[in-house]
């Protein structure tokens, strides 16, 4: 499976984050991620956004092991069994 920066990923704990940086440390893939914000437009649409102007050491960035990634963006299903990509119209604000 492929993951990309600025593309949401679902973690093993069920949360959805956005990788901002990828790196290898100790032979393992790590990511610095930020929280994904959801804004409901209607029952069939949401806006997803992240904080901008974040750097590698920003307080809003968390370190995640790559092995904790459960589903890439195109496989994330949200309410009503609809893909996140469909509900957000493939837009990240």
C-alpha atoms as a PDB file:
ATOM      1  CA  UNK A   1       0.000   0.000   0.000  1.00  0.00           C
ATOM      2  CA  UNK A   2       1.148   3.518  -0.729  1.00  0.00           C
ATOM      3  CA  UNK A   3       0.823   6.547   1.509  1.00  0.00           C
ATOM      4  CA  UNK A   4       1.624  10.114   0.574  1.00  0.00           C
ATOM      5  CA  UNK A   5       2.226  13.388   2.373  1.00  0.00           C
ATOM      6  CA  UNK A   6      -0.892  15.538   2.688  1.00  0.00           C
ATOM      7  CA  UNK A   7      -3.117  12.507   2.095  1.00  0.00           C
ATOM      8  CA  UNK A   8      -5.189  11.197   5.046  1.00  0.00           C
ATOM      9  CA  UNK A   9      -4.438   7.791   6.516  1.00  0.00           C
ATOM     10  CA  UNK A  10      -6.436   5.740   9.020  1.00  0.00           C
ATOM     11  CA  UNK A  11      -4.462   4.366  11.953  1.00  0.00           C
ATOM     12  CA  UNK A  12      -4.864   1.073  13.799  1.00  0.00           C
ATOM     13  CA  UNK A  13      -6.589   2.951  16.660  1.00  0.00           C
ATOM     14  CA  UNK A  14      -9.273   4.221  14.246  1.00  0.00           C
ATOM     15  CA  UNK A  15      -8.124   7.839  14.119  1.00  0.00           C
ATOM     16  CA  UNK A  16      -7.461   9.613  10.833  1.00  0.00           C
ATOM     17  CA  UNK A  17      -4.338  11.760  10.480  1.00  0.00           C
ATOM     18  CA  UNK A  18      -2.415  13.453   7.677  1.00  0.00           C
ATOM     19  CA  UNK A  19       1.273  12.586   7.194  1.00  0.00           C
ATOM     20  CA  UNK A  20       3.378  15.708   6.744  1.00  0.00           C
ATOM     21  CA  UNK A  21       6.841  14.119   6.729  1.00  0.00           C
ATOM     22  CA  UNK A  22       8.169  10.573   6.243  1.00  0.00           C
ATOM     23  CA  UNK A  23      11.589   9.367   7.401  1.00  0.00           C
ATOM     24  CA  UNK A  24      13.479   6.204   8.333  1.00  0.00           C
ATOM     25  CA  UNK A  25      14.849   5.849  11.861  1.00  0.00           C
ATOM     26  CA  UNK A  26      16.281   2.654  13.262  1.00  0.00           C
ATOM     27  CA  UNK A  27      15.405   0.902  10.016  1.00  0.00           C
ATOM     28  CA  UNK A  28      11.677   1.645  10.441  1.00  0.00           C
ATOM     29  CA  UNK A  29       9.379   4.033   8.610  1.00  0.00           C
ATOM     30  CA  UNK A  30       8.105   6.903  10.741  1.00  0.00           C
ATOM     31  CA  UNK A  31       5.772   9.758   9.900  1.00  0.00           C
ATOM     32  CA  UNK A  32       5.203  13.150  11.453  1.00  0.00           C
ATOM     33  CA  UNK A  33       1.439  13.648  11.239  1.00  0.00           C
ATOM     34  CA  UNK A  34      -1.189  16.231  12.086  1.00  0.00           C
ATOM     35  CA  UNK A  35      -4.803  15.854  13.117  1.00  0.00           C
ATOM     36  CA  UNK A  36      -7.465  15.939  10.428  1.00  0.00           C
ATOM     37  CA  UNK A  37     -10.351  18.353  11.081  1.00  0.00           C
ATOM     38  CA  UNK A  38     -13.839  17.443   9.843  1.00  0.00           C
ATOM     39  CA  UNK A  39     -16.534  20.001   9.012  1.00  0.00           C
ATOM     40  CA  UNK A  40     -19.970  18.652   8.121  1.00  0.00           C
ATOM     41  CA  UNK A  41     -21.594  20.315   5.096  1.00  0.00           C
ATOM     42  CA  UNK A  42     -24.483  17.873   4.700  1.00  0.00           C
ATOM     43  CA  UNK A  43     -25.216  14.203   5.286  1.00  0.00           C
ATOM     44  CA  UNK A  44     -23.335  13.382   2.098  1.00  0.00           C
ATOM     45  CA  UNK A  45     -20.499  15.949   2.205  1.00  0.00           C
ATOM     46  CA  UNK A  46     -17.732  16.967   4.591  1.00  0.00           C
ATOM     47  CA  UNK A  47     -14.861  19.430   4.482  1.00  0.00           C
ATOM     48  CA  UNK A  48     -11.562  18.082   5.725  1.00  0.00           C
ATOM     49  CA  UNK A  49      -8.756  20.412   6.701  1.00  0.00           C
ATOM     50  CA  UNK A  50      -5.422  20.576   8.472  1.00  0.00           C
ATOM     51  CA  UNK A  51      -3.443  23.358  10.088  1.00  0.00           C
ATOM     52  CA  UNK A  52      -1.046  25.007   7.673  1.00  0.00           C
ATOM     53  CA  UNK A  53       2.424  26.461   8.188  1.00  0.00           C
ATOM     54  CA  UNK A  54       3.480  23.460  10.243  1.00  0.00           C
ATOM     55  CA  UNK A  55       7.128  22.511  10.415  1.00  0.00           C
ATOM     56  CA  UNK A  56       8.797  19.260  11.464  1.00  0.00           C
ATOM     57  CA  UNK A  57       8.924  20.304  15.138  1.00  0.00           C
ATOM     58  CA  UNK A  58       5.498  21.988  15.447  1.00  0.00           C
ATOM     59  CA  UNK A  59       3.576  21.170  18.612  1.00  0.00           C
ATOM     60  CA  UNK A  60       0.613  20.072  16.450  1.00  0.00           C
ATOM     61  CA  UNK A  61       2.701  17.338  14.788  1.00  0.00           C
ATOM     62  CA  UNK A  62       2.869  13.808  16.246  1.00  0.00           C
ATOM     63  CA  UNK A  63       5.235  10.957  15.453  1.00  0.00           C
ATOM     64  CA  UNK A  64       3.622   7.729  14.211  1.00  0.00           C
ATOM     65  CA  UNK A  65       5.242   4.451  13.212  1.00  0.00           C
ATOM     66  CA  UNK A  66       4.468   3.467   9.639  1.00  0.00           C
ATOM     67  CA  UNK A  67       3.366   0.045  10.861  1.00  0.00           C
ATOM     68  CA  UNK A  68       0.465   1.778  12.656  1.00  0.00           C
ATOM     69  CA  UNK A  69      -1.057   2.795   9.309  1.00  0.00           C
ATOM     70  CA  UNK A  70      -4.181   0.712   8.692  1.00  0.00           C
ATOM     71  CA  UNK A  71      -5.758   2.158   5.536  1.00  0.00           C
ATOM     72  CA  UNK A  72      -4.579   4.635   2.908  1.00  0.00           C
ATOM     73  CA  UNK A  73      -6.839   7.511   1.888  1.00  0.00           C
ATOM     74  CA  UNK A  74      -8.572   5.686  -0.981  1.00  0.00           C
ATOM     75  CA  UNK A  75      -9.675   2.894   1.410  1.00  0.00           C
ATOM     76  CA  UNK A  76     -10.974   5.004   4.327  1.00  0.00           C
ATOM     77  CA  UNK A  77     -14.681   4.468   4.879  1.00  0.00           C
ATOM     78  CA  UNK A  78     -16.610   6.917   7.048  1.00  0.00           C
ATOM     79  CA  UNK A  79     -20.240   7.121   8.107  1.00  0.00           C
ATOM     80  CA  UNK A  80     -22.910   5.449   6.011  1.00  0.00           C
ATOM     81  CA  UNK A  81     -20.251   3.174   4.452  1.00  0.00           C
ATOM     82  CA  UNK A  82     -19.154   5.928   2.098  1.00  0.00           C
ATOM     83  CA  UNK A  83     -15.511   6.488   1.212  1.00  0.00           C
ATOM     84  CA  UNK A  84     -13.921   9.585   2.735  1.00  0.00           C
ATOM     85  CA  UNK A  85     -12.684  10.581  -0.743  1.00  0.00           C
ATOM     86  CA  UNK A  86     -16.296  10.696  -1.941  1.00  0.00           C
ATOM     87  CA  UNK A  87     -17.615  12.614   1.072  1.00  0.00           C
ATOM     88  CA  UNK A  88     -14.896  15.279   0.866  1.00  0.00           C
ATOM     89  CA  UNK A  89     -14.925  15.454  -2.944  1.00  0.00           C
ATOM     90  CA  UNK A  90     -11.166  14.712  -2.913  1.00  0.00           C
ATOM     91  CA  UNK A  91     -10.449  18.155  -1.423  1.00  0.00           C
ATOM     92  CA  UNK A  92      -8.192  18.918   1.531  1.00  0.00           C
ATOM     93  CA  UNK A  93      -8.546  22.497   2.815  1.00  0.00           C
END
